Every structure is written in structure tokens, then in C-alpha cells.
N, C-alpha and C. Protein backbone atom coordinates (compact mmCIF):
# COMPACT_ATOMS: atom_id res chain seq x y z
N MET A 1 99.35 95.10 63.04
CA MET A 1 98.34 94.14 63.46
C MET A 1 96.95 94.78 63.37
N PHE A 2 96.00 94.08 62.78
CA PHE A 2 94.65 94.59 62.69
C PHE A 2 93.95 94.24 64.02
N ASN A 3 93.14 95.20 64.54
CA ASN A 3 92.35 94.87 65.70
C ASN A 3 90.92 94.52 65.18
N ILE A 4 90.01 94.19 66.13
CA ILE A 4 88.66 93.76 65.81
C ILE A 4 87.92 94.82 65.02
N VAL A 5 88.16 96.10 65.39
CA VAL A 5 87.45 97.22 64.73
C VAL A 5 87.89 97.34 63.31
N ASP A 6 89.17 97.16 63.05
CA ASP A 6 89.65 97.22 61.64
C ASP A 6 89.12 96.11 60.77
N ILE A 7 89.02 94.94 61.35
CA ILE A 7 88.45 93.77 60.59
C ILE A 7 86.98 94.02 60.30
N ARG A 8 86.25 94.50 61.25
CA ARG A 8 84.81 94.78 61.01
C ARG A 8 84.67 95.93 59.97
N LYS A 9 85.53 96.91 60.05
CA LYS A 9 85.47 97.97 59.09
C LYS A 9 85.76 97.49 57.69
N ILE A 10 86.72 96.66 57.46
CA ILE A 10 87.02 96.07 56.17
C ILE A 10 85.89 95.24 55.66
N ILE A 11 85.28 94.42 56.49
CA ILE A 11 84.20 93.56 56.11
C ILE A 11 82.97 94.37 55.67
N ILE A 12 82.64 95.41 56.46
CA ILE A 12 81.47 96.24 56.14
C ILE A 12 81.72 96.97 54.82
N ILE A 13 82.92 97.53 54.68
CA ILE A 13 83.23 98.25 53.46
C ILE A 13 83.12 97.36 52.22
N PHE A 14 83.71 96.10 52.36
CA PHE A 14 83.67 95.17 51.22
C PHE A 14 82.28 94.75 50.89
N LEU A 15 81.49 94.46 51.92
CA LEU A 15 80.09 93.98 51.70
C LEU A 15 79.25 95.09 51.01
N ILE A 16 79.39 96.33 51.49
CA ILE A 16 78.68 97.44 50.86
C ILE A 16 79.07 97.59 49.38
N ALA A 17 80.40 97.44 49.12
CA ALA A 17 80.89 97.66 47.73
C ALA A 17 80.32 96.53 46.87
N VAL A 18 80.39 95.28 47.29
CA VAL A 18 79.92 94.17 46.52
C VAL A 18 78.40 94.25 46.28
N LEU A 19 77.65 94.47 47.35
CA LEU A 19 76.20 94.54 47.28
C LEU A 19 75.73 95.68 46.39
N PHE A 20 76.43 96.82 46.48
CA PHE A 20 76.02 97.96 45.65
C PHE A 20 76.24 97.65 44.15
N SER A 21 77.42 97.11 43.80
CA SER A 21 77.68 96.78 42.43
C SER A 21 76.74 95.68 41.92
N VAL A 22 76.38 94.70 42.72
CA VAL A 22 75.39 93.73 42.30
C VAL A 22 74.00 94.34 42.18
N LEU A 23 73.65 95.21 43.05
CA LEU A 23 72.36 95.93 42.96
C LEU A 23 72.24 96.75 41.69
N VAL A 24 73.32 97.41 41.28
CA VAL A 24 73.29 98.22 40.08
C VAL A 24 72.92 97.37 38.84
N PHE A 25 73.67 96.27 38.67
CA PHE A 25 73.46 95.51 37.44
C PHE A 25 72.19 94.63 37.46
N SER A 26 71.81 94.21 38.69
CA SER A 26 70.56 93.44 38.78
C SER A 26 69.34 94.37 38.58
N THR A 27 69.43 95.60 38.96
CA THR A 27 68.32 96.52 38.75
C THR A 27 68.26 96.91 37.23
N ILE A 28 69.38 97.08 36.60
CA ILE A 28 69.35 97.34 35.17
C ILE A 28 68.79 96.12 34.41
N GLU A 29 69.14 94.99 34.79
CA GLU A 29 68.66 93.77 34.08
C GLU A 29 67.14 93.58 34.27
N ALA A 30 66.71 93.99 35.54
CA ALA A 30 65.28 93.86 35.81
C ALA A 30 64.38 94.78 34.99
N PHE A 31 64.84 96.01 34.74
CA PHE A 31 64.08 97.01 34.02
C PHE A 31 64.48 97.14 32.53
N TYR A 32 65.64 96.65 32.21
CA TYR A 32 66.14 96.76 30.82
C TYR A 32 66.93 95.49 30.53
N PRO A 33 66.14 94.40 30.32
CA PRO A 33 66.77 93.06 30.14
C PRO A 33 67.58 92.94 28.85
N ASN A 34 68.51 92.02 28.83
CA ASN A 34 69.39 91.78 27.71
C ASN A 34 68.56 91.17 26.57
N PRO A 35 68.74 91.58 25.33
CA PRO A 35 68.01 91.02 24.17
C PRO A 35 68.29 89.58 23.98
N GLU A 36 67.26 88.77 23.69
CA GLU A 36 67.37 87.36 23.52
C GLU A 36 67.45 87.03 22.02
N TRP A 37 68.27 85.99 21.73
CA TRP A 37 68.46 85.60 20.37
C TRP A 37 67.14 85.13 19.71
N ASP A 38 66.33 84.39 20.45
CA ASP A 38 65.11 83.86 19.94
C ASP A 38 64.13 84.94 19.56
N ASN A 39 64.19 86.11 20.24
CA ASN A 39 63.27 87.20 19.92
C ASN A 39 63.55 87.82 18.50
N TYR A 40 64.68 87.53 17.95
CA TYR A 40 65.05 88.13 16.69
C TYR A 40 65.10 87.09 15.55
N CYS A 41 65.74 85.93 15.88
CA CYS A 41 65.98 84.94 14.88
C CYS A 41 65.10 83.64 15.08
N ARG A 42 64.51 83.53 16.24
CA ARG A 42 63.73 82.32 16.58
C ARG A 42 64.57 81.11 16.24
N GLU A 43 64.14 80.27 15.27
CA GLU A 43 64.84 79.05 14.92
C GLU A 43 65.61 79.25 13.63
N LYS A 44 65.83 80.42 13.19
CA LYS A 44 66.51 80.67 11.94
C LYS A 44 67.91 81.28 12.15
N GLY A 45 68.61 80.70 13.08
CA GLY A 45 69.91 81.19 13.39
C GLY A 45 70.95 80.86 12.33
N PHE A 46 70.76 79.79 11.61
CA PHE A 46 71.70 79.34 10.56
C PHE A 46 71.02 79.17 9.25
N PRO A 47 71.72 79.32 8.14
CA PRO A 47 71.11 79.05 6.85
C PRO A 47 70.61 77.62 6.76
N LYS A 48 69.41 77.44 6.16
CA LYS A 48 68.83 76.17 6.06
C LYS A 48 69.21 75.49 4.75
N VAL A 49 69.38 74.19 4.79
CA VAL A 49 69.66 73.42 3.59
C VAL A 49 68.36 72.81 3.06
N ALA A 50 68.31 72.82 1.76
CA ALA A 50 67.00 72.23 1.18
C ALA A 50 66.82 70.84 1.60
N PRO A 51 65.67 70.49 2.12
CA PRO A 51 65.43 69.10 2.65
C PRO A 51 65.32 68.09 1.47
N LEU A 52 65.71 66.83 1.83
CA LEU A 52 65.62 65.78 0.83
C LEU A 52 64.20 65.24 0.76
N VAL A 53 63.71 65.01 -0.39
CA VAL A 53 62.36 64.44 -0.60
C VAL A 53 62.56 63.14 -1.38
N GLN A 54 61.55 62.34 -1.40
CA GLN A 54 61.64 61.05 -2.12
C GLN A 54 61.79 61.22 -3.59
N ASN A 55 61.09 62.16 -4.13
CA ASN A 55 61.13 62.42 -5.56
C ASN A 55 61.66 63.79 -5.83
N GLN A 56 62.94 63.88 -6.17
CA GLN A 56 63.52 65.23 -6.32
C GLN A 56 62.97 65.93 -7.60
N GLU A 57 62.40 65.21 -8.48
CA GLU A 57 61.90 65.79 -9.69
C GLU A 57 60.65 66.72 -9.45
N VAL A 58 59.92 66.49 -8.39
CA VAL A 58 58.76 67.31 -8.16
C VAL A 58 59.14 68.71 -7.67
N CYS A 59 60.39 68.86 -7.23
CA CYS A 59 60.83 70.19 -6.74
C CYS A 59 61.59 70.93 -7.82
N GLN A 60 61.18 72.14 -8.00
CA GLN A 60 61.82 72.94 -8.97
C GLN A 60 62.92 73.80 -8.29
N GLU A 61 64.08 73.71 -8.82
CA GLU A 61 65.21 74.38 -8.26
C GLU A 61 65.03 75.92 -8.40
N ILE A 62 65.50 76.67 -7.38
CA ILE A 62 65.45 78.13 -7.48
C ILE A 62 66.86 78.58 -7.40
N ASP A 63 67.31 79.25 -8.40
CA ASP A 63 68.74 79.81 -8.42
C ASP A 63 68.69 81.26 -7.84
N VAL A 64 69.65 81.48 -7.02
CA VAL A 64 69.81 82.85 -6.45
C VAL A 64 70.72 83.63 -7.38
N ASN A 65 70.20 84.73 -7.93
CA ASN A 65 70.97 85.49 -8.84
C ASN A 65 72.09 86.29 -8.07
N ASP A 66 73.08 86.66 -8.78
CA ASP A 66 74.23 87.30 -8.18
C ASP A 66 73.86 88.68 -7.55
N VAL A 67 72.88 89.33 -8.13
CA VAL A 67 72.50 90.68 -7.62
C VAL A 67 71.93 90.50 -6.19
N ASP A 68 71.01 89.61 -6.06
CA ASP A 68 70.39 89.37 -4.73
C ASP A 68 71.46 88.86 -3.75
N GLN A 69 72.31 87.98 -4.16
CA GLN A 69 73.37 87.40 -3.32
C GLN A 69 74.30 88.52 -2.81
N ASN A 70 74.74 89.38 -3.71
CA ASN A 70 75.61 90.43 -3.30
C ASN A 70 74.93 91.49 -2.41
N ALA A 71 73.63 91.77 -2.77
CA ALA A 71 72.93 92.69 -1.93
C ALA A 71 72.72 92.20 -0.51
N CYS A 72 72.45 90.90 -0.36
CA CYS A 72 72.27 90.27 0.87
C CYS A 72 73.53 90.29 1.68
N GLU A 73 74.67 89.94 1.08
CA GLU A 73 75.89 89.98 1.75
C GLU A 73 76.26 91.38 2.19
N SER A 74 75.95 92.42 1.42
CA SER A 74 76.21 93.78 1.81
C SER A 74 75.46 94.17 3.09
N LYS A 75 74.31 93.54 3.30
CA LYS A 75 73.48 93.81 4.47
C LYS A 75 73.93 92.88 5.63
N LYS A 76 74.97 92.06 5.45
CA LYS A 76 75.46 91.16 6.45
C LYS A 76 74.38 90.11 6.81
N GLY A 77 73.67 89.66 5.75
CA GLY A 77 72.69 88.63 5.98
C GLY A 77 73.04 87.38 5.14
N TYR A 78 72.09 86.47 5.04
CA TYR A 78 72.29 85.24 4.27
C TYR A 78 70.98 84.87 3.61
N ILE A 79 71.08 84.20 2.47
CA ILE A 79 69.95 83.78 1.74
C ILE A 79 69.22 82.63 2.43
N GLU A 80 67.97 82.74 2.64
CA GLU A 80 67.16 81.69 3.30
C GLU A 80 66.00 81.35 2.41
N PHE A 81 65.76 80.04 2.20
CA PHE A 81 64.74 79.56 1.34
C PHE A 81 63.46 79.30 2.17
N ASN A 82 62.32 79.51 1.49
CA ASN A 82 61.02 79.18 2.04
C ASN A 82 60.53 77.93 1.30
N TYR A 83 59.92 77.00 2.07
CA TYR A 83 59.50 75.68 1.51
C TYR A 83 58.00 75.48 1.69
N ASP A 84 57.48 74.69 0.78
CA ASP A 84 56.08 74.38 0.87
C ASP A 84 55.90 73.08 1.70
N SER A 85 54.67 72.55 1.72
CA SER A 85 54.41 71.36 2.47
C SER A 85 55.12 70.16 2.02
N LYS A 86 55.52 70.15 0.75
CA LYS A 86 56.24 68.98 0.20
C LYS A 86 57.77 69.11 0.42
N GLY A 87 58.18 70.19 0.98
CA GLY A 87 59.61 70.38 1.26
C GLY A 87 60.35 70.96 0.02
N CYS A 88 59.60 71.48 -0.96
CA CYS A 88 60.20 72.10 -2.10
C CYS A 88 60.38 73.61 -1.89
N PRO A 89 61.47 74.15 -2.33
CA PRO A 89 61.70 75.60 -2.18
C PRO A 89 60.78 76.36 -3.09
N THR A 90 60.12 77.39 -2.52
CA THR A 90 59.15 78.20 -3.30
C THR A 90 59.72 79.61 -3.56
N SER A 91 60.52 80.09 -2.61
CA SER A 91 61.11 81.45 -2.78
C SER A 91 62.26 81.55 -1.78
N TYR A 92 62.91 82.69 -1.87
CA TYR A 92 64.03 82.93 -0.98
C TYR A 92 63.98 84.37 -0.51
N GLU A 93 64.67 84.61 0.60
CA GLU A 93 64.69 86.00 1.11
C GLU A 93 66.05 86.19 1.82
N CYS A 94 66.39 87.46 2.05
CA CYS A 94 67.65 87.75 2.77
C CYS A 94 67.29 87.89 4.26
N ASN A 95 67.87 86.99 5.00
CA ASN A 95 67.68 86.96 6.43
C ASN A 95 68.79 87.75 7.19
N THR A 96 68.39 88.86 7.84
CA THR A 96 69.32 89.73 8.49
C THR A 96 69.05 89.76 10.00
N CYS A 97 68.49 88.67 10.48
CA CYS A 97 68.14 88.63 11.90
C CYS A 97 69.38 88.66 12.81
N SER A 98 70.48 88.04 12.33
CA SER A 98 71.71 88.08 13.12
C SER A 98 72.25 89.48 13.28
N LYS A 99 72.16 90.24 12.21
CA LYS A 99 72.62 91.67 12.26
C LYS A 99 71.75 92.46 13.17
N GLU A 100 70.41 92.22 13.17
CA GLU A 100 69.50 93.01 13.98
C GLU A 100 69.75 92.62 15.46
N TYR A 101 70.03 91.40 15.74
CA TYR A 101 70.30 90.96 17.04
C TYR A 101 71.59 91.65 17.62
N ASP A 102 72.64 91.60 16.79
CA ASP A 102 73.92 92.23 17.18
C ASP A 102 73.77 93.73 17.43
N PHE A 103 72.98 94.38 16.61
CA PHE A 103 72.73 95.80 16.80
C PHE A 103 71.99 96.08 18.11
N ALA A 104 70.94 95.26 18.38
CA ALA A 104 70.26 95.39 19.64
C ALA A 104 71.09 95.10 20.84
N ARG A 105 71.94 94.14 20.75
CA ARG A 105 72.84 93.79 21.81
C ARG A 105 73.83 94.91 22.16
N GLN A 106 74.39 95.45 21.06
CA GLN A 106 75.42 96.61 21.24
C GLN A 106 74.67 97.83 21.79
N THR A 107 73.45 98.06 21.37
CA THR A 107 72.73 99.20 21.87
C THR A 107 72.41 98.99 23.34
N HIS A 108 72.08 97.78 23.71
CA HIS A 108 71.79 97.40 25.09
C HIS A 108 73.06 97.56 26.00
N ASP A 109 74.20 97.14 25.53
CA ASP A 109 75.42 97.21 26.19
C ASP A 109 75.83 98.65 26.41
N GLN A 110 75.58 99.51 25.46
CA GLN A 110 75.94 100.94 25.59
C GLN A 110 75.06 101.61 26.67
N TYR A 111 73.77 101.30 26.68
CA TYR A 111 72.87 101.88 27.67
C TYR A 111 73.26 101.38 29.08
N VAL A 112 73.59 100.06 29.10
CA VAL A 112 74.03 99.53 30.42
C VAL A 112 75.21 100.27 30.96
N PHE A 113 76.16 100.58 30.10
CA PHE A 113 77.40 101.29 30.50
C PHE A 113 76.97 102.73 30.96
N TYR A 114 76.09 103.41 30.25
CA TYR A 114 75.77 104.75 30.64
C TYR A 114 75.03 104.79 31.99
N ILE A 115 74.09 103.83 32.20
CA ILE A 115 73.31 103.80 33.39
C ILE A 115 74.23 103.44 34.59
N SER A 116 75.01 102.40 34.39
CA SER A 116 75.92 101.93 35.52
C SER A 116 76.93 103.00 35.82
N ALA A 117 77.42 103.71 34.78
CA ALA A 117 78.42 104.77 35.05
C ALA A 117 77.76 105.91 35.90
N LEU A 118 76.51 106.22 35.52
CA LEU A 118 75.85 107.30 36.24
C LEU A 118 75.58 106.91 37.73
N LEU A 119 75.11 105.69 37.92
CA LEU A 119 74.91 105.24 39.31
C LEU A 119 76.24 105.11 40.09
N ALA A 120 77.26 104.68 39.37
CA ALA A 120 78.57 104.60 39.98
C ALA A 120 79.08 105.98 40.42
N LEU A 121 78.90 107.01 39.60
CA LEU A 121 79.33 108.33 39.98
C LEU A 121 78.55 108.90 41.13
N VAL A 122 77.26 108.58 41.19
CA VAL A 122 76.44 108.97 42.32
C VAL A 122 76.98 108.38 43.63
N ALA A 123 77.26 107.07 43.57
CA ALA A 123 77.83 106.38 44.74
C ALA A 123 79.13 106.90 45.16
N ILE A 124 80.03 107.22 44.17
CA ILE A 124 81.40 107.70 44.47
C ILE A 124 81.25 109.05 45.19
N PHE A 125 80.42 109.99 44.66
CA PHE A 125 80.31 111.29 45.25
C PHE A 125 79.59 111.25 46.59
N ILE A 126 78.73 110.30 46.80
CA ILE A 126 78.15 110.12 48.16
C ILE A 126 79.26 109.70 49.08
N GLY A 127 80.08 108.74 48.66
CA GLY A 127 81.22 108.38 49.52
C GLY A 127 82.19 109.46 49.85
N LEU A 128 82.37 110.38 48.87
CA LEU A 128 83.29 111.44 49.06
C LEU A 128 82.78 112.51 50.02
N TYR A 129 81.49 112.80 49.89
CA TYR A 129 80.97 113.98 50.60
C TYR A 129 80.07 113.56 51.80
N LEU A 130 79.98 112.25 52.10
CA LEU A 130 79.26 111.84 53.29
C LEU A 130 80.04 112.38 54.52
N PRO A 131 79.38 113.18 55.35
CA PRO A 131 80.12 113.76 56.48
C PRO A 131 80.54 112.71 57.48
N ALA A 132 81.86 112.58 57.61
CA ALA A 132 82.41 111.57 58.57
C ALA A 132 82.55 112.18 59.95
N GLN A 133 82.51 113.53 60.11
CA GLN A 133 82.75 114.17 61.36
C GLN A 133 81.55 113.99 62.34
N THR A 134 80.34 113.82 61.73
CA THR A 134 79.16 113.64 62.63
C THR A 134 79.05 112.25 63.19
N ASN A 135 79.51 111.27 62.43
CA ASN A 135 79.42 109.88 62.88
C ASN A 135 80.56 109.05 62.19
N ASN A 136 81.29 108.33 62.98
CA ASN A 136 82.40 107.59 62.50
C ASN A 136 81.95 106.47 61.51
N LEU A 137 80.70 105.98 61.74
CA LEU A 137 80.18 104.99 60.82
C LEU A 137 79.99 105.50 59.42
N ASN A 138 79.82 106.80 59.28
CA ASN A 138 79.68 107.39 57.94
C ASN A 138 80.91 107.16 57.13
N GLU A 139 82.06 107.20 57.76
CA GLU A 139 83.38 106.92 57.03
C GLU A 139 83.39 105.53 56.45
N TRP A 140 82.93 104.53 57.18
CA TRP A 140 82.84 103.20 56.70
C TRP A 140 81.88 103.02 55.52
N ILE A 141 80.69 103.61 55.71
CA ILE A 141 79.63 103.53 54.71
C ILE A 141 80.08 104.29 53.43
N GLY A 142 80.63 105.46 53.68
CA GLY A 142 81.06 106.25 52.53
C GLY A 142 82.17 105.57 51.71
N THR A 143 83.11 104.96 52.43
CA THR A 143 84.17 104.22 51.73
C THR A 143 83.57 103.05 50.97
N GLY A 144 82.59 102.33 51.59
CA GLY A 144 81.96 101.26 50.90
C GLY A 144 81.23 101.64 49.63
N PHE A 145 80.51 102.79 49.69
CA PHE A 145 79.88 103.30 48.49
C PHE A 145 80.89 103.70 47.44
N MET A 146 81.91 104.34 47.88
CA MET A 146 82.97 104.76 46.93
C MET A 146 83.63 103.57 46.26
N LEU A 147 83.91 102.54 47.01
CA LEU A 147 84.50 101.33 46.38
C LEU A 147 83.47 100.58 45.55
N GLY A 148 82.22 100.54 46.03
CA GLY A 148 81.14 99.91 45.15
C GLY A 148 80.93 100.68 43.84
N GLY A 149 80.96 101.99 43.92
CA GLY A 149 80.86 102.77 42.67
C GLY A 149 82.00 102.51 41.75
N THR A 150 83.24 102.32 42.34
CA THR A 150 84.38 102.05 41.50
C THR A 150 84.27 100.68 40.86
N PHE A 151 83.75 99.71 41.62
CA PHE A 151 83.48 98.35 41.05
C PHE A 151 82.47 98.41 39.95
N ALA A 152 81.39 99.11 40.14
CA ALA A 152 80.36 99.16 39.12
C ALA A 152 80.83 99.88 37.85
N LEU A 153 81.66 100.91 38.09
CA LEU A 153 82.25 101.63 36.88
C LEU A 153 83.24 100.73 36.17
N PHE A 154 84.04 99.98 36.91
CA PHE A 154 85.03 99.11 36.25
C PHE A 154 84.33 97.98 35.48
N PHE A 155 83.39 97.29 36.15
CA PHE A 155 82.75 96.12 35.47
C PHE A 155 81.85 96.59 34.34
N GLY A 156 81.23 97.77 34.48
CA GLY A 156 80.43 98.31 33.41
C GLY A 156 81.28 98.67 32.16
N THR A 157 82.44 99.18 32.45
CA THR A 157 83.34 99.49 31.32
C THR A 157 83.90 98.22 30.70
N ALA A 158 84.29 97.29 31.52
CA ALA A 158 84.92 96.07 30.98
C ALA A 158 83.91 95.23 30.18
N SER A 159 82.66 95.22 30.62
CA SER A 159 81.65 94.37 29.91
C SER A 159 81.12 94.99 28.66
N THR A 160 81.18 96.23 28.51
CA THR A 160 80.60 96.95 27.30
C THR A 160 81.70 97.67 26.52
N PHE A 161 82.98 97.45 26.87
CA PHE A 161 84.07 98.19 26.16
C PHE A 161 84.07 97.90 24.66
N GLY A 162 83.75 96.65 24.29
CA GLY A 162 83.82 96.25 22.89
C GLY A 162 82.64 96.90 22.07
N SER A 163 81.56 97.29 22.79
CA SER A 163 80.41 97.84 22.12
C SER A 163 80.52 99.32 21.93
N LEU A 164 81.47 99.93 22.56
CA LEU A 164 81.65 101.40 22.48
C LEU A 164 82.39 101.75 21.18
N ASP A 165 82.15 102.90 20.66
CA ASP A 165 82.89 103.37 19.51
C ASP A 165 84.38 103.47 19.78
N ARG A 166 85.18 103.21 18.74
CA ARG A 166 86.61 103.23 18.97
C ARG A 166 87.15 104.61 19.40
N ILE A 167 86.45 105.68 19.03
CA ILE A 167 86.87 107.01 19.38
C ILE A 167 86.47 107.28 20.82
N ILE A 168 85.31 106.74 21.24
CA ILE A 168 84.84 107.00 22.60
C ILE A 168 85.61 106.26 23.64
N ARG A 169 86.20 105.08 23.24
CA ARG A 169 86.92 104.28 24.23
C ARG A 169 88.03 104.95 24.95
N PRO A 170 88.98 105.60 24.25
CA PRO A 170 90.07 106.29 25.02
C PRO A 170 89.54 107.50 25.79
N ILE A 171 88.48 108.14 25.34
CA ILE A 171 87.88 109.28 26.08
C ILE A 171 87.31 108.75 27.40
N ILE A 172 86.63 107.59 27.36
CA ILE A 172 86.07 107.01 28.55
C ILE A 172 87.19 106.65 29.59
N ILE A 173 88.23 105.95 29.09
CA ILE A 173 89.34 105.58 29.96
C ILE A 173 90.00 106.84 30.57
N PHE A 174 90.18 107.83 29.76
CA PHE A 174 90.79 109.08 30.27
C PHE A 174 89.91 109.73 31.33
N LEU A 175 88.63 109.81 31.14
CA LEU A 175 87.77 110.41 32.16
C LEU A 175 87.78 109.58 33.46
N GLU A 176 87.82 108.26 33.30
CA GLU A 176 87.85 107.44 34.50
C GLU A 176 89.16 107.61 35.24
N LEU A 177 90.25 107.70 34.50
CA LEU A 177 91.57 107.99 35.13
C LEU A 177 91.58 109.35 35.86
N VAL A 178 90.95 110.33 35.20
CA VAL A 178 90.88 111.64 35.94
C VAL A 178 90.00 111.51 37.23
N LEU A 179 89.00 110.72 37.15
CA LEU A 179 88.12 110.53 38.31
C LEU A 179 88.89 109.84 39.45
N VAL A 180 89.66 108.86 39.13
CA VAL A 180 90.47 108.16 40.13
C VAL A 180 91.47 109.12 40.75
N ILE A 181 92.14 109.98 39.93
CA ILE A 181 93.06 110.93 40.48
C ILE A 181 92.32 111.94 41.37
N PHE A 182 91.16 112.34 40.93
CA PHE A 182 90.33 113.29 41.71
C PHE A 182 90.00 112.75 43.08
N ILE A 183 89.65 111.43 43.11
CA ILE A 183 89.24 110.76 44.33
C ILE A 183 90.50 110.68 45.28
N ALA A 184 91.64 110.37 44.67
CA ALA A 184 92.84 110.29 45.48
C ALA A 184 93.19 111.66 46.08
N TYR A 185 93.18 112.73 45.37
CA TYR A 185 93.49 114.00 45.89
C TYR A 185 92.43 114.49 46.88
N LYS A 186 91.20 114.12 46.63
CA LYS A 186 90.13 114.56 47.56
C LYS A 186 90.28 113.87 48.82
N LYS A 187 90.51 112.54 48.85
CA LYS A 187 90.66 111.79 50.09
C LYS A 187 91.90 112.25 50.83
N ILE A 188 92.98 112.43 50.13
CA ILE A 188 94.19 112.91 50.76
C ILE A 188 94.02 114.33 51.33
N GLY A 189 93.29 115.17 50.63
CA GLY A 189 93.01 116.50 51.16
C GLY A 189 92.17 116.46 52.42
N ASN A 190 91.20 115.52 52.42
CA ASN A 190 90.34 115.42 53.59
C ASN A 190 91.18 114.92 54.82
N LEU A 191 92.10 113.98 54.57
CA LEU A 191 92.93 113.49 55.63
C LEU A 191 93.82 114.59 56.21
N ARG A 192 94.32 115.45 55.34
CA ARG A 192 95.19 116.54 55.80
C ARG A 192 94.41 117.55 56.56
N MET A 193 93.13 117.81 56.13
CA MET A 193 92.29 118.83 56.81
C MET A 193 91.86 118.27 58.15
N ASP A 194 91.66 116.97 58.20
CA ASP A 194 91.26 116.35 59.46
C ASP A 194 92.39 116.43 60.47
N ASP A 195 93.66 116.42 60.05
CA ASP A 195 94.77 116.49 60.96
C ASP A 195 94.97 117.92 61.48
N VAL A 196 94.54 118.91 60.78
CA VAL A 196 94.79 120.31 61.17
C VAL A 196 94.20 120.65 62.53
N PRO A 197 92.84 120.34 62.74
CA PRO A 197 92.28 120.65 64.04
C PRO A 197 92.94 119.98 65.18
N ILE A 198 93.36 118.76 64.95
CA ILE A 198 94.03 117.99 66.04
C ILE A 198 95.41 118.67 66.45
N THR A 199 96.05 119.14 65.36
CA THR A 199 97.32 119.79 65.62
C THR A 199 97.15 121.12 66.40
N LYS A 200 96.07 121.91 65.97
CA LYS A 200 95.79 123.11 66.65
C LYS A 200 95.42 122.87 68.15
N LYS A 201 94.65 121.82 68.37
CA LYS A 201 94.24 121.51 69.76
C LYS A 201 95.49 121.17 70.57
N VAL A 202 96.43 120.44 70.07
CA VAL A 202 97.65 120.07 70.74
C VAL A 202 98.49 121.32 71.08
N LEU A 203 98.55 122.23 70.12
CA LEU A 203 99.35 123.45 70.32
C LEU A 203 98.69 124.33 71.39
N ARG A 204 97.36 124.40 71.36
CA ARG A 204 96.66 125.20 72.43
C ARG A 204 96.89 124.63 73.75
N LYS A 205 96.89 123.29 73.91
CA LYS A 205 97.10 122.69 75.18
C LYS A 205 98.52 122.95 75.69
N ARG A 206 99.47 122.91 74.76
CA ARG A 206 100.87 123.21 75.15
C ARG A 206 101.03 124.64 75.58
N LYS A 207 100.30 125.62 74.92
CA LYS A 207 100.45 127.02 75.33
C LYS A 207 99.84 127.25 76.72
N LYS A 208 98.73 126.53 76.99
CA LYS A 208 98.14 126.73 78.29
C LYS A 208 99.01 126.20 79.37
N LYS A 209 99.76 125.12 79.10
CA LYS A 209 100.70 124.59 80.08
C LYS A 209 101.83 125.56 80.31
């Protein structure tokens, strides 16, 4: 059965964890916002079709040669025509705005992962080494920071996992697994060390009796 203190402890730990993880990603978004599609492609997100005019004979057709077409496809772009005031095509160019946007988004996701992982590690180590002997409240706060750091690390990895290199992905997962094991051993070790002084005190009292 949970008493009132246990319920308060769980609520405080959970609130600290949630607020810290939200603070991490909102701070990153405030200083390093996500790239917008309109900043790269504006209104040219899809290939345009030549507009219909009343007299098609006034427009001279422009054929895209195979060399330009293949070169544009190799750049992961598409051919886009430029039109004059009459709606007639005057020239064409290879539009690679979609590729530029994807590259900027992937770069942004990678930096978000690195920053969130760094802040998460700081929070986890604060939770591990925050002295609980001086104040019982430190144990609650420390656990909240440790859980919040774990949340931030998990969500940062999940949201940017696809943007990471395929070789880096298993390395990241392995390091996070090692970190979780380290936390488990560290906390279990602290619990055992905390029990030692109590045991010694009990033994001393028995000897005195």
C-alpha cells in the first residue's frame, strides 16, 4: 500500500521528469528552430505544368534534352520551366529545393539529437550524484532528473533515429544500453552502501546491550 509520502514522491519525480524533457526540446526549438519548407522551395514544391493559353501557336515549345534530364535526376531534382507574362515557357532549370530541404532537416535532426543527448546525460549524472544524505528531498529531485534525462535521451533518439547514419545507429543504441546498465549498477550500489551504516549501527547497539 502506498502512503501519502510515496504518492507525493511519485508525482514530484514524474513532474520533474516530464518538465525537464519538455524544457530540453522547447529550448532547442527556441534557439535552433526546425527548417521550414517555404524557406527552401517557397511555392515550387511540385513540378509545374505549362499553363494553357488561348493561342497555343504563340508559345514556342522547349524540349528538355536527355543530358539535362539525366543530370537533374542524378541531383535528385526535377525540371522546372520559367514562363513569361504570356504564359509561354522561356527556359528551364533543375530545381533541387526538395533535396536541399531534406539535407537541412536531416542536419537539424542530428544536431537536435546531439544537444538533447548532452543535456540528458547532464541530468542523469546530476540525478546519480546529487547527495541524498544531506536532504531526503534530493533523492526525489535526483530521481526526477535522472528519469527526465532518460526521457529526453529516448525521445531524442526516437525522433532523429532515421536521420543518423546506419553505422552510427547501432553504436548509439549500444552506448545507451551501457548507460542504462551503469545507472542500474550505480543505484543498486548506492542502495547497498546506504544499508551498511544502518547495519553497523544495529550491531553496535547490540554489542552495547
